[in-house]
Amino acid sequence: MQKLAIVWFRRDLRLDDNAALYHALKKHKAVLPLFIFDTNILNQLEDKYDCRVDFIHQQISELNNELAEQGSGIKVYHDTPENTFTKLTQEFDIEAVYTNHDYEPYAKERDERISKLLNDKGIVFNTYKDQVIFEKDEVLKKDGTPYTVYTPYMKIWREQLNDFFLSSYPTEKYMGNLYPMNSSPILSLELLGFKKTDVNIPSKKAAIDVIENYDKTRDIPSIKGTSRLSVHLRFGTISIRKLARFALQHNQKYVNELIWREFYMMILWHFPHVVKSSFKPGYDAVKWRDDEEQFKRWCEGKTGYPIVDAGMRELNSTGWMHNRVRMIVASFLVKDLLIDWRWGEAYFAQKLLDFELSSNNGGWQWAAGTGCDAAPYFRVFNPYLQTKKFDPDLKYIKKWVPEFEELTYPQPIVDHAFARDRALKAYKIGLNKDETKY
């Protein structure tokens, strides 16, 4: 039986500039690509028209086609990782398994289990940094503790940056070391228990022009003024190193957004309690109204606030929402409706094509004032002023809420001025402390 190494693709669905793939190909003469449609994750998805599963399926098919050109292919399983590797160790003489780091709580637990399973069989489990420029403990304060405020983190991130961290992994040099196999179509979406969607993935090439003008266009929801590369970063269909190199040359504001992404990943790594609780524990004492009917109307885009409704309808229809509007709808749910930020976070997690646990959690806690580097809780977005500033011609609203001037359009679900005062009182009572300290 031929000895081989396995490269386990997860959030790195590309062949170029892939750390784990590079190290495996460079060291071994037979490298078998692997992807697992993890039933631990898929079985929790109630909506079988999930655009993320469809997107992943498309990317795995593309990977398989690219590998076929190299005389190889990708082995695909629909099972738990434990069952998959148990089967693989029975079928192949595996020397080592290579994969890239994943920082989310489930992923960390999963990798610990797989590492033990493999080590018990004498198989080495190698993992590498790939989806970020800096990870874990690579950007710390002088006293060795993690940053909890973005701006000083950003400054040190930039100071530490050099060509070493931006260098690509030349996988193309070693493609001849892929395990030879006859390519065949991967499992169908239907066999995975999911349906085809009309998911519309933004082009990586189209993002380039946007990045060059990002600082001027990023806040205007009616135009394609953001790169929309977040989904490609989420699933690793683009190299963070290549993207960072380009951004550093063309738009520093966009670089800052990449740093925000890594800041929130670092926060999740060091403070895993944020997944279920406020970053600042005192904010868990805030008493939410949690009105289920009002939450339903927020979800459906029927609040009577056109900019909020436009954002929610865009999300429900496309799996996407403009970043400025994400902040507006989040502030509205938490501050105007006084509904627990975790409700909104969970809804975004269900609907967003580019859902990233760390960024989603960080964004919602920012809006709620409960997170690190958060806006003070007494900062409340005014939907009308936000509309006037960022959608003055109502182009965005007219696209998603064409009936907003008709009699059929609902009256505002709550008066903003009243809701703002109510929210501030609820926060003060919950915190039971001097607001100037927050």
Protein backbone atom coordinates (compact mmCIF):
# COMPACT_ATOMS: atom_id res chain seq x y z
CA MET A 1 0.00 0.00 0.00
CA GLN A 2 1.43 3.37 -1.06
CA LYS A 3 2.20 5.87 1.67
CA LEU A 4 0.49 9.24 1.24
CA ALA A 5 -0.34 12.49 2.96
CA ILE A 6 -3.77 14.09 3.14
CA VAL A 7 -4.59 17.79 2.77
CA TRP A 8 -7.88 18.54 4.48
CA PHE A 9 -9.55 21.56 2.87
CA ARG A 10 -11.91 23.55 5.08
CA ARG A 11 -11.87 27.34 4.92
CA ASP A 12 -9.20 27.45 2.22
CA LEU A 13 -10.99 26.34 -0.95
CA ARG A 14 -8.24 27.16 -3.44
CA LEU A 15 -5.05 25.60 -4.79
CA ASP A 16 -2.93 28.75 -5.07
CA ASP A 17 -1.10 30.24 -2.09
CA ASN A 18 -2.44 27.63 0.33
CA ALA A 19 -0.16 27.04 3.32
CA ALA A 20 -1.21 23.49 4.21
CA LEU A 21 -1.23 22.34 0.58
CA TYR A 22 2.21 23.85 0.01
CA HIS A 23 3.81 22.14 3.00
CA ALA A 24 2.23 18.78 2.13
CA LEU A 25 3.24 18.89 -1.52
CA LYS A 26 6.77 19.98 -0.72
CA LYS A 27 7.37 17.13 1.74
CA HIS A 28 5.42 14.20 0.25
CA LYS A 29 5.35 12.44 -3.12
CA ALA A 30 1.65 11.50 -2.94
CA VAL A 31 -0.79 14.09 -1.55
CA LEU A 32 -4.51 13.33 -1.47
CA PRO A 33 -6.90 16.33 -1.26
CA LEU A 34 -9.89 15.86 1.05
CA PHE A 35 -13.09 17.74 1.84
CA ILE A 36 -15.69 16.72 4.42
CA PHE A 37 -19.27 17.93 4.31
CA ASP A 38 -19.42 17.80 8.09
CA THR A 39 -22.76 16.39 9.24
CA ASN A 40 -22.18 17.89 12.70
CA ILE A 41 -22.63 21.27 11.00
CA LEU A 42 -25.01 20.47 8.16
CA ASN A 43 -27.54 18.67 10.36
CA GLN A 44 -28.07 21.89 12.31
CA LEU A 45 -29.09 23.85 9.20
CA GLU A 46 -32.88 23.85 8.99
CA ASP A 47 -33.12 25.74 5.68
CA LYS A 48 -32.26 23.30 2.92
CA TYR A 49 -32.00 26.20 0.47
CA ASP A 50 -28.80 27.35 2.17
CA CYS A 51 -26.76 29.52 -0.18
CA ARG A 52 -23.56 28.85 1.77
CA VAL A 53 -23.79 25.10 1.27
CA ASP A 54 -24.52 25.71 -2.40
CA PHE A 55 -21.50 28.02 -2.66
CA ILE A 56 -19.20 25.52 -0.94
CA HIS A 57 -20.49 22.77 -3.22
CA GLN A 58 -19.73 24.90 -6.28
CA GLN A 59 -16.23 25.65 -5.04
CA ILE A 60 -15.47 21.99 -4.31
CA SER A 61 -16.61 21.11 -7.83
CA GLU A 62 -14.29 23.77 -9.22
CA LEU A 63 -11.42 22.46 -7.09
CA ASN A 64 -12.11 18.96 -8.38
CA ASN A 65 -11.95 20.20 -11.98
CA GLU A 66 -8.69 22.07 -11.35
CA LEU A 67 -7.19 18.99 -9.72
CA ALA A 68 -8.34 16.84 -12.66
CA GLU A 69 -6.12 18.97 -14.90
CA GLN A 70 -3.24 17.85 -12.67
CA GLY A 71 -4.23 14.19 -12.96
CA SER A 72 -5.76 14.14 -9.49
CA GLY A 73 -9.03 14.95 -7.77
CA ILE A 74 -10.56 15.60 -4.37
CA LYS A 75 -11.91 12.91 -2.08
CA VAL A 76 -15.27 14.07 -0.71
CA TYR A 77 -17.12 12.65 2.28
CA HIS A 78 -20.51 13.43 3.81
CA ASP A 79 -19.98 12.34 7.40
CA THR A 80 -18.46 13.39 10.70
CA PRO A 81 -14.72 14.11 10.63
CA GLU A 82 -14.13 11.25 13.09
CA ASN A 83 -15.90 8.68 10.90
CA THR A 84 -14.19 10.03 7.80
CA PHE A 85 -10.67 9.70 9.14
CA THR A 86 -11.41 6.29 10.60
CA LYS A 87 -12.41 5.12 7.10
CA LEU A 88 -9.42 6.81 5.46
CA THR A 89 -6.94 5.15 7.80
CA GLN A 90 -8.43 1.80 6.87
CA GLU A 91 -8.22 2.52 3.13
CA PHE A 92 -4.82 4.24 2.90
CA ASP A 93 -1.38 4.13 4.50
CA ILE A 94 -1.39 7.70 5.78
CA GLU A 95 1.84 9.33 6.91
CA ALA A 96 0.46 12.73 7.85
CA VAL A 97 -2.56 15.01 7.60
CA TYR A 98 -2.18 18.69 6.74
CA THR A 99 -4.74 21.43 7.25
CA ASN A 100 -5.00 25.14 8.04
CA HIS A 101 -5.98 26.70 11.35
CA ASP A 102 -9.60 27.43 12.17
CA TYR A 103 -10.23 29.57 15.24
CA GLU A 104 -13.91 29.06 16.03
CA PRO A 105 -14.92 27.09 19.15
CA TYR A 106 -16.38 24.08 17.32
CA ALA A 107 -13.39 23.93 14.98
CA LYS A 108 -10.92 23.99 17.87
CA GLU A 109 -12.71 21.10 19.61
CA ARG A 110 -13.01 19.17 16.33
CA ASP A 111 -9.31 19.52 15.57
CA GLU A 112 -8.33 18.38 19.06
CA ARG A 113 -10.40 15.23 18.57
CA ILE A 114 -8.98 14.54 15.11
CA SER A 115 -5.44 15.18 16.27
CA LYS A 116 -5.84 12.61 19.06
CA LEU A 117 -7.49 10.10 16.72
CA LEU A 118 -4.62 10.38 14.25
CA ASN A 119 -1.84 10.50 16.83
CA ASP A 120 -3.17 7.29 18.38
CA LYS A 121 -2.58 5.68 14.98
CA GLY A 122 0.90 7.16 14.62
CA ILE A 123 -0.20 9.79 12.10
CA VAL A 124 1.06 13.35 12.39
CA PHE A 125 -1.52 16.17 12.31
CA ASN A 126 0.02 19.38 10.96
CA THR A 127 -1.83 22.71 10.97
CA TYR A 128 -0.82 26.11 9.58
CA LYS A 129 -1.82 29.75 9.61
CA ASP A 130 -3.52 30.63 6.34
CA GLN A 131 -6.69 32.74 6.62
CA VAL A 132 -5.14 35.73 8.42
CA ILE A 133 -1.92 37.76 8.38
CA PHE A 134 -1.58 37.73 12.17
CA GLU A 135 -3.21 35.22 14.51
CA LYS A 136 -3.60 34.22 18.14
CA ASP A 137 -0.69 35.73 20.11
CA GLU A 138 1.16 37.38 17.24
CA VAL A 139 -0.09 40.90 18.07
CA LEU A 140 0.05 41.53 21.81
CA LYS A 141 0.63 44.39 24.22
CA LYS A 142 4.10 44.79 25.71
CA ASP A 143 2.91 42.99 28.84
CA GLY A 144 1.92 39.95 26.77
CA THR A 145 -1.83 40.44 27.08
CA PRO A 146 -4.21 40.75 24.11
CA TYR A 147 -5.49 44.07 22.87
CA THR A 148 -9.14 44.81 23.55
CA VAL A 149 -9.29 48.11 21.67
CA TYR A 150 -9.01 48.26 17.89
CA THR A 151 -6.89 51.37 17.26
CA PRO A 152 -3.76 50.36 19.23
CA TYR A 153 -4.11 46.83 17.84
CA MET A 154 -4.25 48.26 14.31
CA LYS A 155 -1.13 50.36 14.87
CA ILE A 156 0.93 47.42 16.13
CA TRP A 157 -0.47 45.21 13.34
CA ARG A 158 0.87 47.70 10.81
CA GLU A 159 4.20 48.16 12.62
CA GLN A 160 4.86 44.42 12.69
CA LEU A 161 3.94 43.86 9.06
CA ASN A 162 6.73 42.94 6.67
CA ASP A 163 7.31 40.91 3.52
CA PHE A 164 7.60 37.67 5.48
CA PHE A 165 3.95 37.83 6.58
CA LEU A 166 2.78 38.74 3.07
CA SER A 167 4.76 36.11 1.14
CA SER A 168 2.76 33.61 -0.88
CA TYR A 169 3.18 29.84 -0.83
CA PRO A 170 4.19 28.69 -4.36
CA THR A 171 2.09 25.54 -4.53
CA GLU A 172 2.33 25.47 -8.33
CA LYS A 173 5.95 24.28 -8.09
CA TYR A 174 4.93 20.98 -6.53
CA MET A 175 1.65 20.00 -8.19
CA GLY A 176 3.35 16.91 -9.56
CA ASN A 177 3.20 15.44 -6.07
CA LEU A 178 -0.60 15.21 -6.02
CA TYR A 179 -1.98 11.72 -5.56
CA PRO A 180 -2.92 10.37 -9.03
CA MET A 181 -6.57 9.43 -9.32
CA ASN A 182 -9.33 9.36 -11.88
CA SER A 183 -11.52 12.41 -11.44
CA SER A 184 -15.22 11.86 -10.97
CA PRO A 185 -18.11 14.19 -10.11
CA ILE A 186 -18.45 14.95 -6.42
CA LEU A 187 -21.54 14.20 -4.35
CA SER A 188 -24.57 16.07 -5.62
CA LEU A 189 -26.17 18.81 -3.56
CA GLU A 190 -29.33 16.71 -3.35
CA LEU A 191 -27.46 13.78 -1.83
CA LEU A 192 -26.22 16.16 0.83
CA GLY A 193 -29.85 16.97 1.61
CA PHE A 194 -29.81 20.50 0.20
CA LYS A 195 -31.38 22.33 -2.72
CA LYS A 196 -29.92 24.47 -5.48
CA THR A 197 -30.21 28.19 -4.80
CA ASP A 198 -29.89 31.26 -6.99
CA VAL A 199 -26.83 32.36 -5.01
CA ASN A 200 -25.05 35.21 -6.76
CA ILE A 201 -21.41 35.33 -5.72
CA PRO A 202 -19.58 38.61 -6.38
CA SER A 203 -16.64 38.26 -8.74
CA LYS A 204 -13.14 38.53 -7.29
CA LYS A 205 -12.01 40.40 -10.39
CA ALA A 206 -14.82 42.94 -10.09
CA ALA A 207 -13.65 43.79 -6.59
CA ILE A 208 -10.35 45.28 -7.73
CA ASP A 209 -11.75 48.56 -9.05
CA VAL A 210 -13.94 48.86 -5.98
CA ILE A 211 -10.98 48.53 -3.60
CA GLU A 212 -9.17 51.40 -5.33
CA ASN A 213 -12.08 53.76 -4.51
CA TYR A 214 -13.28 52.01 -1.36
CA ASP A 215 -12.73 54.95 0.97
CA LYS A 216 -15.03 57.11 -1.19
CA THR A 217 -17.80 54.59 -1.91
CA ARG A 218 -17.99 52.26 1.12
CA ASP A 219 -20.91 53.98 2.88
CA ILE A 220 -23.31 54.31 -0.06
CA PRO A 221 -25.68 51.29 -0.12
CA SER A 222 -27.24 52.12 -3.50
CA ILE A 223 -23.99 51.46 -5.42
CA LYS A 224 -21.50 48.62 -5.57
CA GLY A 225 -19.10 50.51 -3.38
CA THR A 226 -17.79 47.66 -1.22
CA SER A 227 -15.66 44.79 -2.46
CA ARG A 228 -18.06 42.07 -1.28
CA LEU A 229 -15.01 39.85 -0.95
CA SER A 230 -16.05 38.82 2.57
CA VAL A 231 -17.58 35.59 1.30
CA HIS A 232 -14.34 34.74 -0.52
CA LEU A 233 -12.35 35.45 2.64
CA ARG A 234 -14.81 33.41 4.68
CA PHE A 235 -14.32 30.29 2.61
CA GLY A 236 -10.76 30.93 1.53
CA THR A 237 -11.43 31.18 -2.20
CA ILE A 238 -9.05 34.16 -2.18
CA SER A 239 -5.65 34.44 -0.52
CA ILE A 240 -5.53 36.94 2.34
CA ARG A 241 -1.85 37.56 1.58
CA LYS A 242 -2.48 38.48 -2.06
CA LEU A 243 -5.46 40.63 -1.09
CA ALA A 244 -3.52 42.43 1.64
CA ARG A 245 -0.61 43.14 -0.72
CA PHE A 246 -2.98 44.70 -3.24
CA ALA A 247 -4.87 46.72 -0.63
CA LEU A 248 -1.67 48.07 0.90
CA GLN A 249 -0.75 49.47 -2.49
CA HIS A 250 -4.16 50.89 -3.37
CA ASN A 251 -6.36 51.76 -0.39
CA GLN A 252 -5.42 52.05 3.28
CA LYS A 253 -9.05 52.29 4.39
CA TYR A 254 -9.65 48.83 2.97
CA VAL A 255 -6.56 47.56 4.79
CA ASN A 256 -8.15 48.79 8.02
CA GLU A 257 -11.21 46.64 7.29
CA LEU A 258 -8.96 43.59 6.89
CA ILE A 259 -7.41 44.46 10.24
CA TRP A 260 -10.87 44.73 11.85
CA ARG A 261 -11.52 41.18 10.65
CA GLU A 262 -8.35 39.91 12.31
CA PHE A 263 -9.01 41.95 15.46
CA TYR A 264 -12.36 40.21 15.95
CA MET A 265 -10.78 36.81 15.26
CA MET A 266 -8.19 37.56 17.91
CA ILE A 267 -10.92 38.60 20.37
CA LEU A 268 -12.80 35.34 19.75
CA TRP A 269 -9.61 33.35 20.30
CA HIS A 270 -8.70 35.01 23.59
CA PHE A 271 -12.22 35.67 24.91
CA PRO A 272 -14.42 32.76 23.77
CA HIS A 273 -17.12 33.80 26.24
CA VAL A 274 -18.23 36.42 23.69
CA VAL A 275 -20.03 33.70 21.73
CA LYS A 276 -22.81 33.57 24.32
CA SER A 277 -22.21 36.58 26.56
CA SER A 278 -21.31 40.24 26.40
CA PHE A 279 -17.61 41.01 26.14
CA LYS A 280 -18.17 43.35 29.10
CA PRO A 281 -19.99 41.07 31.59
CA GLY A 282 -21.82 43.94 33.25
CA TYR A 283 -23.93 44.44 30.14
CA ASP A 284 -25.53 41.02 30.58
CA ALA A 285 -27.63 42.65 33.29
CA VAL A 286 -29.49 44.84 30.78
CA LYS A 287 -33.16 43.82 30.75
CA TRP A 288 -34.38 43.29 27.17
CA ARG A 289 -38.00 43.55 26.07
CA ASP A 290 -37.63 40.69 23.56
CA ASP A 291 -40.98 41.29 21.88
CA GLU A 292 -41.39 38.34 19.51
CA GLU A 293 -43.91 40.08 17.24
CA GLN A 294 -41.66 43.10 16.79
CA PHE A 295 -38.70 40.82 16.16
CA LYS A 296 -40.70 39.05 13.47
CA ARG A 297 -41.48 42.37 11.79
CA TRP A 298 -37.80 43.31 11.93
CA CYS A 299 -36.85 40.01 10.32
CA GLU A 300 -39.41 40.47 7.55
CA GLY A 301 -38.52 44.10 6.85
CA LYS A 302 -41.88 45.48 7.98
CA THR A 303 -40.91 47.93 10.71
CA GLY A 304 -42.16 51.09 9.00
CA TYR A 305 -38.61 52.44 8.84
CA PRO A 306 -37.67 52.26 5.13
CA ILE A 307 -33.87 52.06 5.54
CA VAL A 308 -34.23 49.26 8.10
CA ASP A 309 -36.76 47.38 5.99
CA ALA A 310 -34.63 47.76 2.87
CA GLY A 311 -31.67 46.18 4.62
CA MET A 312 -33.64 43.25 5.95
CA ARG A 313 -35.27 42.59 2.59
CA GLU A 314 -31.92 42.71 0.85
CA LEU A 315 -30.60 40.17 3.37
CA ASN A 316 -33.59 37.85 3.04
CA SER A 317 -33.50 38.02 -0.75
CA THR A 318 -29.77 37.81 -1.45
CA GLY A 319 -27.93 36.57 1.64
CA TRP A 320 -26.13 39.89 1.67
CA MET A 321 -26.52 43.31 3.31
CA HIS A 322 -24.49 46.45 2.83
CA ASN A 323 -22.14 47.05 5.77
CA ARG A 324 -23.46 50.53 6.62
CA VAL A 325 -27.00 49.17 6.63
CA ARG A 326 -25.94 46.26 8.84
CA MET A 327 -25.03 48.80 11.50
CA ILE A 328 -28.32 50.64 11.06
CA VAL A 329 -30.55 47.57 11.35
CA ALA A 330 -28.54 46.23 14.28
CA SER A 331 -28.79 49.49 16.17
CA PHE A 332 -32.52 49.60 15.46
CA LEU A 333 -33.15 46.10 16.82
CA VAL A 334 -31.12 46.60 19.96
CA LYS A 335 -31.73 50.24 20.79
CA ASP A 336 -35.14 51.06 19.24
CA LEU A 337 -36.82 47.74 19.92
CA LEU A 338 -34.71 46.82 22.97
CA ILE A 339 -34.32 43.26 21.75
CA ASP A 340 -31.32 41.17 22.82
CA TRP A 341 -28.45 41.53 20.36
CA ARG A 342 -28.06 37.73 20.38
CA TRP A 343 -31.41 37.40 18.59
CA GLY A 344 -30.17 39.56 15.75
CA GLU A 345 -26.78 37.89 15.70
CA ALA A 346 -28.44 34.48 15.34
CA TYR A 347 -30.67 35.71 12.50
CA PHE A 348 -27.68 37.10 10.62
CA ALA A 349 -25.83 33.83 11.22
CA GLN A 350 -28.71 31.99 9.59
CA LYS A 351 -29.05 34.31 6.58
CA LEU A 352 -25.67 35.82 5.71
CA LEU A 353 -23.72 34.23 2.90
CA ASP A 354 -20.53 35.71 4.32
CA PHE A 355 -21.34 34.74 7.93
CA GLU A 356 -18.18 34.80 10.02
CA LEU A 357 -18.68 34.05 13.70
CA SER A 358 -16.02 36.46 14.95
CA SER A 359 -17.02 39.41 12.74
CA ASN A 360 -20.75 38.84 13.18
CA ASN A 361 -20.41 38.65 16.94
CA GLY A 362 -18.07 41.62 17.05
CA GLY A 363 -20.36 43.73 14.88
CA TRP A 364 -23.46 42.98 16.93
CA GLN A 365 -21.70 43.64 20.21
CA TRP A 366 -20.38 46.90 18.75
CA ALA A 367 -23.93 47.95 17.85
CA ALA A 368 -25.24 46.95 21.27
CA GLY A 369 -22.43 48.71 23.13
CA THR A 370 -21.60 45.46 24.93
CA GLY A 371 -18.41 44.59 23.09
CA CYS A 372 -14.78 45.61 23.06
CA ASP A 373 -13.97 48.95 21.47
CA ALA A 374 -17.73 49.42 21.33
CA ALA A 375 -19.66 52.57 20.65
CA PRO A 376 -20.95 53.88 24.00
CA TYR A 377 -24.35 52.44 24.78
CA PHE A 378 -25.81 55.95 24.61
CA ARG A 379 -24.87 56.27 20.93
CA VAL A 380 -28.03 55.35 19.01
CA PHE A 381 -28.33 55.45 15.23
CA ASN A 382 -31.20 57.60 14.00
CA PRO A 383 -32.69 55.79 10.96
CA TYR A 384 -33.92 59.04 9.42
CA LEU A 385 -30.58 60.81 9.73
CA GLN A 386 -28.74 57.74 8.44
CA THR A 387 -31.04 57.73 5.41
CA LYS A 388 -30.50 61.43 4.77
CA LYS A 389 -26.73 61.01 4.97
CA PHE A 390 -26.19 57.75 3.10
CA ASP A 391 -29.24 57.31 0.85
CA PRO A 392 -30.35 60.92 0.23
CA ASP A 393 -31.95 60.14 -3.14
CA LEU A 394 -33.64 57.03 -1.68
CA LYS A 395 -32.24 54.84 -4.45
CA TYR A 396 -31.48 51.98 -2.10
CA ILE A 397 -34.85 52.26 -0.35
CA LYS A 398 -36.78 52.44 -3.64
CA LYS A 399 -35.09 49.26 -4.83
CA TRP A 400 -36.03 47.18 -1.80
CA VAL A 401 -39.11 48.96 -0.42
CA PRO A 402 -40.87 50.31 -3.51
CA GLU A 403 -44.13 50.77 -1.59
CA PHE A 404 -42.63 52.95 1.16
CA GLU A 405 -44.74 55.99 0.11
CA GLU A 406 -47.96 54.03 -0.33
CA LEU A 407 -50.78 53.75 2.18
CA THR A 408 -50.12 50.02 2.37
CA TYR A 409 -46.71 50.61 3.91
CA PRO A 410 -46.86 50.08 7.69
CA GLN A 411 -46.60 52.91 10.18
CA PRO A 412 -43.37 52.98 12.23
CA ILE A 413 -43.35 50.13 14.71
CA VAL A 414 -42.07 52.49 17.42
CA ASP A 415 -41.34 56.20 17.81
CA HIS A 416 -37.57 56.65 17.56
CA ALA A 417 -37.25 59.45 20.13
CA PHE A 418 -39.33 57.51 22.66
CA ALA A 419 -37.41 54.29 21.93
CA ARG A 420 -34.05 56.01 22.36
CA ASP A 421 -34.98 57.31 25.82
CA ARG A 422 -36.37 53.89 26.78
CA ALA A 423 -33.14 52.17 25.74
CA LEU A 424 -30.92 54.57 27.65
CA LYS A 425 -32.99 54.05 30.81
CA ALA A 426 -32.84 50.26 30.43
CA TYR A 427 -29.06 50.34 30.01
CA LYS A 428 -28.56 52.64 33.00
CA ILE A 429 -30.75 50.46 35.23
CA GLY A 430 -29.01 47.28 34.04
CA LEU A 431 -25.53 48.65 34.48
CA ASN A 432 -26.38 50.44 37.73
CA LYS A 433 -23.23 52.49 37.27
CA ASP A 434 -22.13 55.94 36.24
CA GLU A 435 -22.47 56.08 32.44
CA THR A 436 -19.34 58.21 32.16
CA LYS A 437 -17.28 55.12 32.91
CA TYR A 438 -18.48 53.37 29.76
